């Protein structure tokens, strides 16, 4: 979202590099859902808030390709991951 204080820079990069904007949220959600079925979740840090993971995957849109990184957390006493961030890896 270009209006979000912390997310606007990520949104600009998605638009500039892949042509993805607010009108493409469903497409991005589908790409993420598909990617987490194919690509490995790499464990990163663990602390009192939970175990964190990253999943990197390629996205091609409008003849441009970029690596998208999603970050996830599984909180203590939960068995499912929660998406915490999504951005283009430079």
PDB file of N, CA and C in Angstrom:
ATOM      1  N   UNK A   1       0.843  -1.171   0.000  1.00  0.00           N
ATOM      2  CA  UNK A   1       0.000   0.000   0.000  1.00  0.00           C
ATOM      3  C   UNK A   1       0.892   1.239   0.000  1.00  0.00           C
ATOM      4  N   UNK A   2       0.721   2.077  -0.980  1.00  0.00           N
ATOM      5  CA  UNK A   2       1.533   3.290  -1.093  1.00  0.00           C
ATOM      6  C   UNK A   2       1.247   4.305   0.001  1.00  0.00           C
ATOM      7  N   UNK A   3       0.140   4.150   0.719  1.00  0.00           N
ATOM      8  CA  UNK A   3      -0.225   5.081   1.787  1.00  0.00           C
ATOM      9  C   UNK A   3       0.290   4.634   3.155  1.00  0.00           C
ATOM     10  N   UNK A   4       0.766   3.415   3.255  1.00  0.00           N
ATOM     11  CA  UNK A   4       1.214   2.870   4.542  1.00  0.00           C
ATOM     12  C   UNK A   4       2.599   3.406   4.887  1.00  0.00           C
ATOM     13  N   UNK A   5       2.768   3.898   6.121  1.00  0.00           N
ATOM     14  CA  UNK A   5       4.041   4.498   6.523  1.00  0.00           C
ATOM     15  C   UNK A   5       5.231   3.562   6.339  1.00  0.00           C
ATOM     16  N   UNK A   6       5.094   2.317   6.766  1.00  0.00           N
ATOM     17  CA  UNK A   6       6.224   1.394   6.682  1.00  0.00           C
ATOM     18  C   UNK A   6       6.225   0.575   5.397  1.00  0.00           C
ATOM     19  N   UNK A   7       5.075   0.411   4.766  1.00  0.00           N
ATOM     20  CA  UNK A   7       4.992  -0.452   3.597  1.00  0.00           C
ATOM     21  C   UNK A   7       5.101   0.239   2.257  1.00  0.00           C
ATOM     22  N   UNK A   8       5.052   1.568   2.253  1.00  0.00           N
ATOM     23  CA  UNK A   8       5.001   2.269   0.960  1.00  0.00           C
ATOM     24  C   UNK A   8       6.249   2.047   0.113  1.00  0.00           C
ATOM     25  N   UNK A   9       7.405   1.877   0.750  1.00  0.00           N
ATOM     26  CA  UNK A   9       8.636   1.661  -0.019  1.00  0.00           C
ATOM     27  C   UNK A   9       8.615   0.288  -0.689  1.00  0.00           C
ATOM     28  N   UNK A  10       8.081  -0.704   0.011  1.00  0.00           N
ATOM     29  CA  UNK A  10       7.945  -2.041  -0.575  1.00  0.00           C
ATOM     30  C   UNK A  10       6.956  -1.997  -1.734  1.00  0.00           C
ATOM     31  N   UNK A  11       5.866  -1.268  -1.554  1.00  0.00           N
ATOM     32  CA  UNK A  11       4.849  -1.160  -2.602  1.00  0.00           C
ATOM     33  C   UNK A  11       5.423  -0.495  -3.851  1.00  0.00           C
ATOM     34  N   UNK A  12       6.223   0.540  -3.667  1.00  0.00           N
ATOM     35  CA  UNK A  12       6.851   1.210  -4.813  1.00  0.00           C
ATOM     36  C   UNK A  12       7.757   0.249  -5.580  1.00  0.00           C
ATOM     37  N   UNK A  13       8.486  -0.566  -4.847  1.00  0.00           N
ATOM     38  CA  UNK A  13       9.399  -1.514  -5.488  1.00  0.00           C
ATOM     39  C   UNK A  13       8.632  -2.584  -6.263  1.00  0.00           C
ATOM     40  N   UNK A  14       7.536  -3.100  -5.689  1.00  0.00           N
ATOM     41  CA  UNK A  14       6.705  -4.065  -6.412  1.00  0.00           C
ATOM     42  C   UNK A  14       6.170  -3.439  -7.702  1.00  0.00           C
ATOM     43  N   UNK A  15       5.753  -2.188  -7.631  1.00  0.00           N
ATOM     44  CA  UNK A  15       5.220  -1.513  -8.817  1.00  0.00           C
ATOM     45  C   UNK A  15       6.316  -1.263  -9.850  1.00  0.00           C
ATOM     46  N   UNK A  16       7.464  -0.777  -9.398  1.00  0.00           N
ATOM     47  CA  UNK A  16       8.545  -0.427 -10.321  1.00  0.00           C
ATOM     48  C   UNK A  16       9.174  -1.657 -10.968  1.00  0.00           C
ATOM     49  N   UNK A  17       9.374  -2.711 -10.197  1.00  0.00           N
ATOM     50  CA  UNK A  17      10.099  -3.867 -10.724  1.00  0.00           C
ATOM     51  C   UNK A  17       9.210  -4.894 -11.410  1.00  0.00           C
ATOM     52  N   UNK A  18       7.967  -5.034 -10.928  1.00  0.00           N
ATOM     53  CA  UNK A  18       7.101  -6.090 -11.466  1.00  0.00           C
ATOM     54  C   UNK A  18       5.779  -5.572 -12.024  1.00  0.00           C
ATOM     55  N   UNK A  19       5.507  -4.296 -11.854  1.00  0.00           N
ATOM     56  CA  UNK A  19       4.229  -3.768 -12.325  1.00  0.00           C
ATOM     57  C   UNK A  19       3.052  -4.216 -11.479  1.00  0.00           C
ATOM     58  N   UNK A  20       3.315  -4.598 -10.223  1.00  0.00           N
ATOM     59  CA  UNK A  20       2.249  -5.040  -9.325  1.00  0.00           C
ATOM     60  C   UNK A  20       1.853  -3.896  -8.402  1.00  0.00           C
ATOM     61  N   UNK A  21       0.545  -3.630  -8.326  1.00  0.00           N
ATOM     62  CA  UNK A  21       0.044  -2.565  -7.468  1.00  0.00           C
ATOM     63  C   UNK A  21      -1.144  -3.028  -6.656  1.00  0.00           C
ATOM     64  N   UNK A  22      -1.871  -2.075  -6.110  1.00  0.00           N
ATOM     65  CA  UNK A  22      -3.033  -2.385  -5.264  1.00  0.00           C
ATOM     66  C   UNK A  22      -4.065  -3.242  -5.985  1.00  0.00           C
ATOM     67  N   UNK A  23      -4.149  -3.119  -7.288  1.00  0.00           N
ATOM     68  CA  UNK A  23      -5.131  -3.902  -8.054  1.00  0.00           C
ATOM     69  C   UNK A  23      -4.711  -5.365  -8.201  1.00  0.00           C
ATOM     70  N   UNK A  24      -3.496  -5.677  -7.796  1.00  0.00           N
ATOM     71  CA  UNK A  24      -2.962  -7.030  -7.969  1.00  0.00           C
ATOM     72  C   UNK A  24      -2.812  -7.797  -6.658  1.00  0.00           C
ATOM     73  N   UNK A  25      -3.522  -7.393  -5.615  1.00  0.00           N
ATOM     74  CA  UNK A  25      -3.347  -8.056  -4.315  1.00  0.00           C
ATOM     75  C   UNK A  25      -3.757  -9.523  -4.366  1.00  0.00           C
ATOM     76  N   UNK A  26      -4.831  -9.831  -5.067  1.00  0.00           N
ATOM     77  CA  UNK A  26      -5.259 -11.234  -5.154  1.00  0.00           C
ATOM     78  C   UNK A  26      -4.232 -12.078  -5.898  1.00  0.00           C
ATOM     79  N   UNK A  27      -3.639 -11.521  -6.948  1.00  0.00           N
ATOM     80  CA  UNK A  27      -2.594 -12.232  -7.680  1.00  0.00           C
ATOM     81  C   UNK A  27      -1.401 -12.503  -6.767  1.00  0.00           C
ATOM     82  N   UNK A  28      -0.974 -11.492  -6.015  1.00  0.00           N
ATOM     83  CA  UNK A  28       0.161 -11.679  -5.117  1.00  0.00           C
ATOM     84  C   UNK A  28      -0.160 -12.717  -4.040  1.00  0.00           C
ATOM     85  N   UNK A  29      -1.363 -12.693  -3.511  1.00  0.00           N
ATOM     86  CA  UNK A  29      -1.768 -13.704  -2.524  1.00  0.00           C
ATOM     87  C   UNK A  29      -1.693 -15.107  -3.122  1.00  0.00           C
ATOM     88  N   UNK A  30      -2.155 -15.251  -4.347  1.00  0.00           N
ATOM     89  CA  UNK A  30      -2.103 -16.553  -5.019  1.00  0.00           C
ATOM     90  C   UNK A  30      -0.663 -16.990  -5.249  1.00  0.00           C
ATOM     91  N   UNK A  31       0.183 -16.069  -5.678  1.00  0.00           N
ATOM     92  CA  UNK A  31       1.596 -16.391  -5.898  1.00  0.00           C
ATOM     93  C   UNK A  31       2.258 -16.862  -4.605  1.00  0.00           C
ATOM     94  N   UNK A  32       1.935 -16.200  -3.497  1.00  0.00           N
ATOM     95  CA  UNK A  32       2.504 -16.595  -2.204  1.00  0.00           C
ATOM     96  C   UNK A  32       1.998 -17.973  -1.803  1.00  0.00           C
ATOM     97  N   UNK A  33       0.688 -18.189  -1.916  1.00  0.00           N
ATOM     98  CA  UNK A  33       0.120 -19.498  -1.548  1.00  0.00           C
ATOM     99  C   UNK A  33       0.745 -20.627  -2.368  1.00  0.00           C
ATOM    100  N   UNK A  34       0.936 -20.374  -3.659  1.00  0.00           N
ATOM    101  CA  UNK A  34       1.558 -21.387  -4.519  1.00  0.00           C
ATOM    102  C   UNK A  34       3.021 -21.613  -4.133  1.00  0.00           C
ATOM    103  N   UNK A  35       3.736 -20.523  -3.877  1.00  0.00           N
ATOM    104  CA  UNK A  35       5.168 -20.623  -3.590  1.00  0.00           C
ATOM    105  C   UNK A  35       5.448 -21.398  -2.313  1.00  0.00           C
ATOM    106  N   UNK A  36       4.631 -21.214  -1.296  1.00  0.00           N
ATOM    107  CA  UNK A  36       4.925 -21.905  -0.034  1.00  0.00           C
ATOM    108  C   UNK A  36       4.667 -23.402  -0.125  1.00  0.00           C
ATOM    109  N   UNK A  37       4.002 -23.823  -1.203  1.00  0.00           N
ATOM    110  CA  UNK A  37       3.825 -25.257  -1.439  1.00  0.00           C
ATOM    111  C   UNK A  37       5.025 -25.857  -2.172  1.00  0.00           C
ATOM    112  N   UNK A  38       5.809 -25.000  -2.829  1.00  0.00           N
ATOM    113  CA  UNK A  38       6.908 -25.457  -3.682  1.00  0.00           C
ATOM    114  C   UNK A  38       8.280 -25.216  -3.053  1.00  0.00           C
ATOM    115  N   UNK A  39       8.473 -24.039  -2.473  1.00  0.00           N
ATOM    116  CA  UNK A  39       9.794 -23.627  -1.991  1.00  0.00           C
ATOM    117  C   UNK A  39       9.937 -23.889  -0.493  1.00  0.00           C
ATOM    118  N   UNK A  40      11.159 -24.187  -0.092  1.00  0.00           N
ATOM    119  CA  UNK A  40      11.434 -24.511   1.306  1.00  0.00           C
ATOM    120  C   UNK A  40      11.337 -23.285   2.205  1.00  0.00           C
ATOM    121  N   UNK A  41      10.801 -23.504   3.393  1.00  0.00           N
ATOM    122  CA  UNK A  41      10.823 -22.493   4.449  1.00  0.00           C
ATOM    123  C   UNK A  41      12.130 -22.674   5.211  1.00  0.00           C
ATOM    124  N   UNK A  42      12.932 -21.632   5.242  1.00  0.00           N
ATOM    125  CA  UNK A  42      14.236 -21.681   5.889  1.00  0.00           C
ATOM    126  C   UNK A  42      14.102 -21.092   7.296  1.00  0.00           C
ATOM    127  N   UNK A  43      14.379 -21.881   8.326  1.00  0.00           N
ATOM    128  CA  UNK A  43      14.300 -21.341   9.687  1.00  0.00           C
ATOM    129  C   UNK A  43      15.355 -20.254   9.891  1.00  0.00           C
ATOM    130  N   UNK A  44      14.974 -19.202  10.579  1.00  0.00           N
ATOM    131  CA  UNK A  44      15.933 -18.142  10.914  1.00  0.00           C
ATOM    132  C   UNK A  44      16.029 -18.068  12.435  1.00  0.00           C
ATOM    133  N   UNK A  45      15.515 -17.025  13.027  1.00  0.00           N
ATOM    134  CA  UNK A  45      15.657 -16.853  14.472  1.00  0.00           C
ATOM    135  C   UNK A  45      14.459 -17.411  15.228  1.00  0.00           C
ATOM    136  N   UNK A  46      14.706 -17.708  16.481  1.00  0.00           N
ATOM    137  CA  UNK A  46      13.637 -18.119  17.390  1.00  0.00           C
ATOM    138  C   UNK A  46      13.814 -17.341  18.685  1.00  0.00           C
ATOM    139  N   UNK A  47      12.710 -16.872  19.234  1.00  0.00           N
ATOM    140  CA  UNK A  47      12.747 -16.165  20.509  1.00  0.00           C
ATOM    141  C   UNK A  47      11.428 -16.401  21.237  1.00  0.00           C
ATOM    142  N   UNK A  48      11.143 -15.597  22.235  1.00  0.00           N
ATOM    143  CA  UNK A  48       9.923 -15.794  23.016  1.00  0.00           C
ATOM    144  C   UNK A  48       8.654 -15.591  22.192  1.00  0.00           C
ATOM    145  N   UNK A  49       8.764 -14.939  21.031  1.00  0.00           N
ATOM    146  CA  UNK A  49       7.591 -14.697  20.192  1.00  0.00           C
ATOM    147  C   UNK A  49       7.333 -15.831  19.208  1.00  0.00           C
ATOM    148  N   UNK A  50       8.348 -16.669  18.980  1.00  0.00           N
ATOM    149  CA  UNK A  50       8.158 -17.801  18.087  1.00  0.00           C
ATOM    150  C   UNK A  50       9.347 -18.072  17.186  1.00  0.00           C
ATOM    151  N   UNK A  51       9.171 -19.059  16.309  1.00  0.00           N
ATOM    152  CA  UNK A  51      10.183 -19.437  15.316  1.00  0.00           C
ATOM    153  C   UNK A  51       9.879 -18.700  14.021  1.00  0.00           C
ATOM    154  N   UNK A  52      10.900 -18.046  13.467  1.00  0.00           N
ATOM    155  CA  UNK A  52      10.727 -17.296  12.227  1.00  0.00           C
ATOM    156  C   UNK A  52      11.318 -18.076  11.055  1.00  0.00           C
ATOM    157  N   UNK A  53      10.737 -17.827   9.885  1.00  0.00           N
ATOM    158  CA  UNK A  53      11.153 -18.502   8.656  1.00  0.00           C
ATOM    159  C   UNK A  53      11.150 -17.496   7.515  1.00  0.00           C
ATOM    160  N   UNK A  54      11.927 -17.812   6.465  1.00  0.00           N
ATOM    161  CA  UNK A  54      11.835 -17.069   5.211  1.00  0.00           C
ATOM    162  C   UNK A  54      11.551 -18.057   4.084  1.00  0.00           C
ATOM    163  N   UNK A  55      10.807 -17.576   3.098  1.00  0.00           N
ATOM    164  CA  UNK A  55      10.578 -18.322   1.861  1.00  0.00           C
ATOM    165  C   UNK A  55      10.835 -17.347   0.722  1.00  0.00           C
ATOM    166  N   UNK A  56      11.847 -17.626  -0.083  1.00  0.00           N
ATOM    167  CA  UNK A  56      12.165 -16.823  -1.266  1.00  0.00           C
ATOM    168  C   UNK A  56      11.671 -17.556  -2.502  1.00  0.00           C
ATOM    169  N   UNK A  57      11.144 -16.792  -3.459  1.00  0.00           N
ATOM    170  CA  UNK A  57      10.679 -17.410  -4.696  1.00  0.00           C
ATOM    171  C   UNK A  57      10.685 -16.382  -5.821  1.00  0.00           C
ATOM    172  N   UNK A  58      10.874 -16.852  -7.061  1.00  0.00           N
ATOM    173  CA  UNK A  58      10.876 -15.939  -8.201  1.00  0.00           C
ATOM    174  C   UNK A  58       9.451 -15.594  -8.623  1.00  0.00           C
ATOM    175  N   UNK A  59       9.269 -14.340  -9.016  1.00  0.00           N
ATOM    176  CA  UNK A  59       7.990 -13.892  -9.571  1.00  0.00           C
ATOM    177  C   UNK A  59       8.277 -13.237 -10.908  1.00  0.00           C
ATOM    178  N   UNK A  60       7.558 -13.662 -11.925  1.00  0.00           N
ATOM    179  CA  UNK A  60       7.638 -13.033 -13.240  1.00  0.00           C
ATOM    180  C   UNK A  60       6.287 -12.429 -13.551  1.00  0.00           C
ATOM    181  N   UNK A  61       6.302 -11.139 -13.886  1.00  0.00           N
ATOM    182  CA  UNK A  61       5.067 -10.421 -14.211  1.00  0.00           C
ATOM    183  C   UNK A  61       5.436  -9.315 -15.185  1.00  0.00           C
ATOM    184  N   UNK A  62       4.681  -9.164 -16.232  1.00  0.00           N
ATOM    185  CA  UNK A  62       4.966  -8.161 -17.274  1.00  0.00           C
ATOM    186  C   UNK A  62       6.402  -8.273 -17.783  1.00  0.00           C
ATOM    187  N   UNK A  63       6.841  -9.479 -18.044  1.00  0.00           N
ATOM    188  CA  UNK A  63       8.156  -9.778 -18.614  1.00  0.00           C
ATOM    189  C   UNK A  63       9.318  -9.342 -17.727  1.00  0.00           C
ATOM    190  N   UNK A  64       9.065  -9.144 -16.449  1.00  0.00           N
ATOM    191  CA  UNK A  64      10.127  -8.828 -15.489  1.00  0.00           C
ATOM    192  C   UNK A  64      10.120  -9.906 -14.409  1.00  0.00           C
ATOM    193  N   UNK A  65      11.300 -10.226 -13.902  1.00  0.00           N
ATOM    194  CA  UNK A  65      11.415 -11.237 -12.853  1.00  0.00           C
ATOM    195  C   UNK A  65      12.165 -10.654 -11.664  1.00  0.00           C
ATOM    196  N   UNK A  66      11.687 -10.982 -10.473  1.00  0.00           N
ATOM    197  CA  UNK A  66      12.345 -10.561  -9.235  1.00  0.00           C
ATOM    198  C   UNK A  66      12.172 -11.664  -8.199  1.00  0.00           C
ATOM    199  N   UNK A  67      13.065 -11.666  -7.225  1.00  0.00           N
ATOM    200  CA  UNK A  67      12.935 -12.598  -6.108  1.00  0.00           C
ATOM    201  C   UNK A  67      12.127 -11.930  -5.008  1.00  0.00           C
ATOM    202  N   UNK A  68      11.054 -12.590  -4.616  1.00  0.00           N
ATOM    203  CA  UNK A  68      10.205 -12.095  -3.541  1.00  0.00           C
ATOM    204  C   UNK A  68      10.535 -12.895  -2.287  1.00  0.00           C
ATOM    205  N   UNK A  69      10.683 -12.191  -1.192  1.00  0.00           N
ATOM    206  CA  UNK A  69      10.914 -12.847   0.102  1.00  0.00           C
ATOM    207  C   UNK A  69       9.674 -12.667   0.970  1.00  0.00           C
ATOM    208  N   UNK A  70       9.201 -13.777   1.507  1.00  0.00           N
ATOM    209  CA  UNK A  70       8.145 -13.723   2.508  1.00  0.00           C
ATOM    210  C   UNK A  70       8.755 -14.149   3.831  1.00  0.00           C
ATOM    211  N   UNK A  71       8.314 -13.513   4.900  1.00  0.00           N
ATOM    212  CA  UNK A  71       8.773 -13.892   6.228  1.00  0.00           C
ATOM    213  C   UNK A  71       7.566 -14.333   7.036  1.00  0.00           C
ATOM    214  N   UNK A  72       7.812 -15.322   7.874  1.00  0.00           N
ATOM    215  CA  UNK A  72       6.736 -15.994   8.605  1.00  0.00           C
ATOM    216  C   UNK A  72       7.141 -16.205  10.047  1.00  0.00           C
ATOM    217  N   UNK A  73       6.140 -16.394  10.904  1.00  0.00           N
ATOM    218  CA  UNK A  73       6.393 -16.773  12.288  1.00  0.00           C
ATOM    219  C   UNK A  73       5.382 -17.834  12.704  1.00  0.00           C
ATOM    220  N   UNK A  74       5.866 -18.795  13.452  1.00  0.00           N
ATOM    221  CA  UNK A  74       4.974 -19.730  14.141  1.00  0.00           C
ATOM    222  C   UNK A  74       5.133 -19.427  15.625  1.00  0.00           C
ATOM    223  N   UNK A  75       4.072 -18.909  16.213  1.00  0.00           N
ATOM    224  CA  UNK A  75       4.106 -18.506  17.619  1.00  0.00           C
ATOM    225  C   UNK A  75       4.072 -19.722  18.538  1.00  0.00           C
ATOM    226  N   UNK A  76       4.589 -19.557  19.751  1.00  0.00           N
ATOM    227  CA  UNK A  76       4.492 -20.655  20.717  1.00  0.00           C
ATOM    228  C   UNK A  76       3.022 -21.058  20.892  1.00  0.00           C
ATOM    229  N   UNK A  77       2.798 -22.332  21.032  1.00  0.00           N
ATOM    230  CA  UNK A  77       1.446 -22.880  21.223  1.00  0.00           C
ATOM    231  C   UNK A  77       0.559 -22.752  19.989  1.00  0.00           C
ATOM    232  N   UNK A  78       1.142 -22.438  18.828  1.00  0.00           N
ATOM    233  CA  UNK A  78       0.395 -22.442  17.568  1.00  0.00           C
ATOM    234  C   UNK A  78       1.068 -23.427  16.620  1.00  0.00           C
ATOM    235  N   UNK A  79       0.311 -23.927  15.679  1.00  0.00           N
ATOM    236  CA  UNK A  79       0.853 -24.918  14.743  1.00  0.00           C
ATOM    237  C   UNK A  79       0.812 -24.436  13.300  1.00  0.00           C
ATOM    238  N   UNK A  80       0.513 -23.164  13.098  1.00  0.00           N
ATOM    239  CA  UNK A  80       0.393 -22.639  11.743  1.00  0.00           C
ATOM    240  C   UNK A  80       1.240 -21.378  11.604  1.00  0.00           C
ATOM    241  N   UNK A  81       1.769 -21.129  10.401  1.00  0.00           N
ATOM    242  CA  UNK A  81       2.577 -19.930  10.180  1.00  0.00           C
ATOM    243  C   UNK A  81       1.703 -18.709   9.917  1.00  0.00           C
ATOM    244  N   UNK A  82       2.229 -17.570  10.330  1.00  0.00           N
ATOM    245  CA  UNK A  82       1.595 -16.279  10.041  1.00  0.00           C
ATOM    246  C   UNK A  82       2.564 -15.465   9.179  1.00  0.00           C
ATOM    247  N   UNK A  83       2.053 -14.887   8.116  1.00  0.00           N
ATOM    248  CA  UNK A  83       2.869 -14.028   7.256  1.00  0.00           C
ATOM    249  C   UNK A  83       3.183 -12.740   8.012  1.00  0.00           C
ATOM    250  N   UNK A  84       4.467 -12.378   8.059  1.00  0.00           N
ATOM    251  CA  UNK A  84       4.846 -11.145   8.749  1.00  0.00           C
ATOM    252  C   UNK A  84       5.329 -10.059   7.795  1.00  0.00           C
ATOM    253  N   UNK A  85       5.856 -10.450   6.638  1.00  0.00           N
ATOM    254  CA  UNK A  85       6.311  -9.451   5.678  1.00  0.00           C
ATOM    255  C   UNK A  85       6.468 -10.084   4.302  1.00  0.00           C
ATOM    256  N   UNK A  86       6.468  -9.223   3.302  1.00  0.00           N
ATOM    257  CA  UNK A  86       6.647  -9.646   1.915  1.00  0.00           C
ATOM    258  C   UNK A  86       7.318  -8.496   1.182  1.00  0.00           C
ATOM    259  N   UNK A  87       8.458  -8.774   0.552  1.00  0.00           N
ATOM    260  CA  UNK A  87       9.170  -7.712  -0.144  1.00  0.00           C
ATOM    261  C   UNK A  87      10.067  -8.303  -1.220  1.00  0.00           C
ATOM    262  N   UNK A  88      10.554  -7.433  -2.087  1.00  0.00           N
ATOM    263  CA  UNK A  88      11.458  -7.848  -3.156  1.00  0.00           C
ATOM    264  C   UNK A  88      12.887  -7.792  -2.637  1.00  0.00           C
ATOM    265  N   UNK A  89      13.619  -8.880  -2.870  1.00  0.00           N
ATOM    266  CA  UNK A  89      15.022  -8.948  -2.472  1.00  0.00           C
ATOM    267  C   UNK A  89      15.839  -8.263  -3.552  1.00  0.00           C
ATOM    268  N   UNK A  90      16.661  -7.333  -3.156  1.00  0.00           N
ATOM    269  CA  UNK A  90      17.498  -6.639  -4.138  1.00  0.00           C
ATOM    270  C   UNK A  90      18.832  -7.303  -4.270  1.00  0.00           C
TER     271      UNK A  90
END
